[in-house]
N, C-alpha and C. Protein backbone atom coordinates (compact mmCIF):
# COMPACT_ATOMS: atom_id res chain seq x y z
N MET A 1 65.12 -27.56 27.09
CA MET A 1 65.32 -28.65 27.58
C MET A 1 65.93 -28.79 29.04
N LEU A 2 65.69 -29.62 29.83
CA LEU A 2 66.24 -29.70 30.92
C LEU A 2 66.49 -31.16 31.55
N HIS A 3 67.85 -31.57 31.79
CA HIS A 3 68.44 -32.82 32.16
C HIS A 3 69.03 -32.83 33.70
N LEU A 4 68.51 -33.75 34.28
CA LEU A 4 69.27 -34.06 35.44
C LEU A 4 70.42 -34.57 35.66
N THR A 5 71.38 -33.85 36.06
CA THR A 5 73.10 -34.56 35.67
C THR A 5 73.39 -35.25 37.11
N GLY A 6 72.89 -34.98 38.06
CA GLY A 6 73.83 -35.57 39.23
C GLY A 6 72.74 -35.24 40.38
N ALA A 7 72.45 -36.03 41.38
CA ALA A 7 72.18 -36.10 42.67
C ALA A 7 72.58 -36.99 43.87
N GLN A 8 72.86 -36.30 45.04
CA GLN A 8 73.53 -36.72 46.14
C GLN A 8 72.71 -36.34 47.58
N GLN A 9 72.73 -37.11 48.62
CA GLN A 9 72.47 -36.93 49.59
C GLN A 9 73.54 -36.64 50.45
N THR A 10 73.77 -35.53 51.14
CA THR A 10 75.12 -34.88 52.15
C THR A 10 74.72 -35.36 53.49
N ASP A 11 73.94 -35.59 54.03
CA ASP A 11 73.39 -36.11 55.31
C ASP A 11 72.05 -36.35 55.52
N ALA A 12 71.41 -36.52 56.54
CA ALA A 12 69.94 -37.12 56.93
C ALA A 12 68.87 -36.00 56.21
N THR A 13 69.28 -35.00 56.28
CA THR A 13 68.39 -33.86 55.51
C THR A 13 68.67 -33.09 54.51
N ARG A 14 69.91 -33.26 54.17
CA ARG A 14 70.39 -32.52 53.01
C ARG A 14 70.78 -32.94 51.68
N TYR A 15 70.33 -32.51 50.72
CA TYR A 15 70.49 -33.08 49.37
C TYR A 15 71.06 -32.12 48.49
N ILE A 16 71.67 -32.26 47.03
CA ILE A 16 72.06 -31.79 46.46
C ILE A 16 71.87 -32.40 44.68
N ALA A 17 70.98 -31.40 44.14
CA ALA A 17 70.79 -32.08 42.64
C ALA A 17 71.39 -31.01 41.74
N THR A 18 72.07 -31.43 40.55
CA THR A 18 72.48 -30.42 39.54
C THR A 18 71.71 -30.83 38.21
N GLN A 19 71.66 -29.83 37.20
CA GLN A 19 70.60 -29.95 36.23
C GLN A 19 71.68 -29.05 35.13
N HIS A 20 71.08 -29.45 33.95
CA HIS A 20 71.88 -28.85 32.79
C HIS A 20 70.37 -28.30 32.05
N LEU A 21 70.31 -26.97 31.87
CA LEU A 21 69.22 -26.40 31.33
C LEU A 21 69.74 -25.74 29.98
N GLU A 22 68.79 -25.89 28.85
CA GLU A 22 68.86 -25.18 27.69
C GLU A 22 67.91 -24.79 27.14
N GLY A 23 67.86 -23.49 26.80
CA GLY A 23 66.53 -22.68 26.34
C GLY A 23 66.94 -21.45 25.54
N ASN A 24 65.75 -20.58 25.05
CA ASN A 24 65.75 -19.79 24.47
C ASN A 24 66.29 -18.60 25.26
N PHE A 25 67.59 -18.29 26.11
CA PHE A 25 67.89 -17.13 27.15
C PHE A 25 69.09 -16.70 26.46
N PRO A 26 69.87 -15.68 27.18
CA PRO A 26 71.22 -15.41 26.53
C PRO A 26 72.47 -16.42 27.20
N GLY A 27 72.88 -16.99 26.21
CA GLY A 27 74.01 -17.90 26.56
C GLY A 27 73.54 -19.34 26.07
N GLY A 28 72.03 -19.36 26.16
CA GLY A 28 71.61 -20.79 25.35
C GLY A 28 71.54 -22.03 26.49
N SER A 29 72.43 -22.02 27.40
CA SER A 29 72.65 -22.86 28.20
C SER A 29 73.29 -22.70 29.66
N ILE A 30 72.81 -23.39 30.55
CA ILE A 30 73.24 -23.08 32.00
C ILE A 30 73.38 -24.41 32.89
N ASP A 31 74.28 -24.73 33.84
CA ASP A 31 74.37 -25.99 34.89
C ASP A 31 73.93 -25.22 36.37
N LEU A 32 73.08 -25.78 36.51
CA LEU A 32 72.22 -25.43 38.01
C LEU A 32 72.80 -26.40 38.75
N ARG A 33 72.84 -25.84 40.43
CA ARG A 33 73.21 -26.52 41.53
C ARG A 33 72.03 -26.07 42.40
N TYR A 34 71.32 -27.46 42.77
CA TYR A 34 69.96 -27.04 43.92
C TYR A 34 70.70 -27.59 45.25
N GLN A 35 70.86 -27.20 46.33
CA GLN A 35 70.82 -27.42 47.58
C GLN A 35 69.70 -27.11 48.54
N PHE A 36 68.95 -28.51 48.94
CA PHE A 36 67.83 -28.04 49.52
C PHE A 36 68.01 -29.15 50.71
N THR A 37 67.16 -28.60 51.88
CA THR A 37 67.31 -29.03 52.97
C THR A 37 65.93 -29.51 53.41
N LEU A 38 65.47 -30.89 53.76
CA LEU A 38 64.27 -31.33 53.88
C LEU A 38 63.88 -31.33 55.41
N ARG A 39 62.24 -30.94 55.73
CA ARG A 39 61.79 -31.06 57.00
C ARG A 39 60.73 -31.58 57.05
N ASP A 40 60.40 -32.71 58.12
CA ASP A 40 58.86 -33.34 57.70
C ASP A 40 58.56 -33.81 56.50
N GLY A 41 59.43 -34.22 55.33
CA GLY A 41 58.90 -34.38 54.01
C GLY A 41 58.59 -33.21 53.07
N LEU A 42 59.05 -31.86 53.61
CA LEU A 42 58.79 -30.74 53.09
C LEU A 42 60.24 -30.13 52.60
N ILE A 43 60.32 -29.17 51.56
CA ILE A 43 61.44 -28.54 51.61
C ILE A 43 61.57 -27.35 52.39
N GLU A 44 62.58 -27.05 53.39
CA GLU A 44 62.53 -26.43 54.26
C GLU A 44 63.38 -24.76 53.63
N ARG A 45 64.32 -25.31 52.99
CA ARG A 45 65.54 -24.67 52.52
C ARG A 45 65.71 -24.96 51.13
N LEU A 46 65.95 -24.08 50.34
CA LEU A 46 66.27 -24.36 48.90
C LEU A 46 67.14 -22.98 48.36
N VAL A 47 68.44 -23.34 47.80
CA VAL A 47 69.35 -22.62 47.18
C VAL A 47 69.58 -22.92 45.74
N ILE A 48 69.60 -22.10 44.84
CA ILE A 48 70.00 -22.45 43.48
C ILE A 48 71.26 -21.49 42.95
N GLU A 49 72.37 -22.25 42.42
CA GLU A 49 73.41 -21.52 42.11
C GLU A 49 73.66 -21.81 40.84
N PRO A 50 74.12 -20.99 40.18
CA PRO A 50 74.99 -21.22 38.65
C PRO A 50 75.88 -22.20 38.59
């Protein structure tokens, strides 16, 4: 199961989204942070952090 827990725009092209993920893996759940940059409407850069 995946739940979006937050989203924010940090400047004109940069965004941060946070999600809570639950599943059949060691630990059973994790909170993830996605930092991404858009360019011409497409994701130019993506960083995923626990």
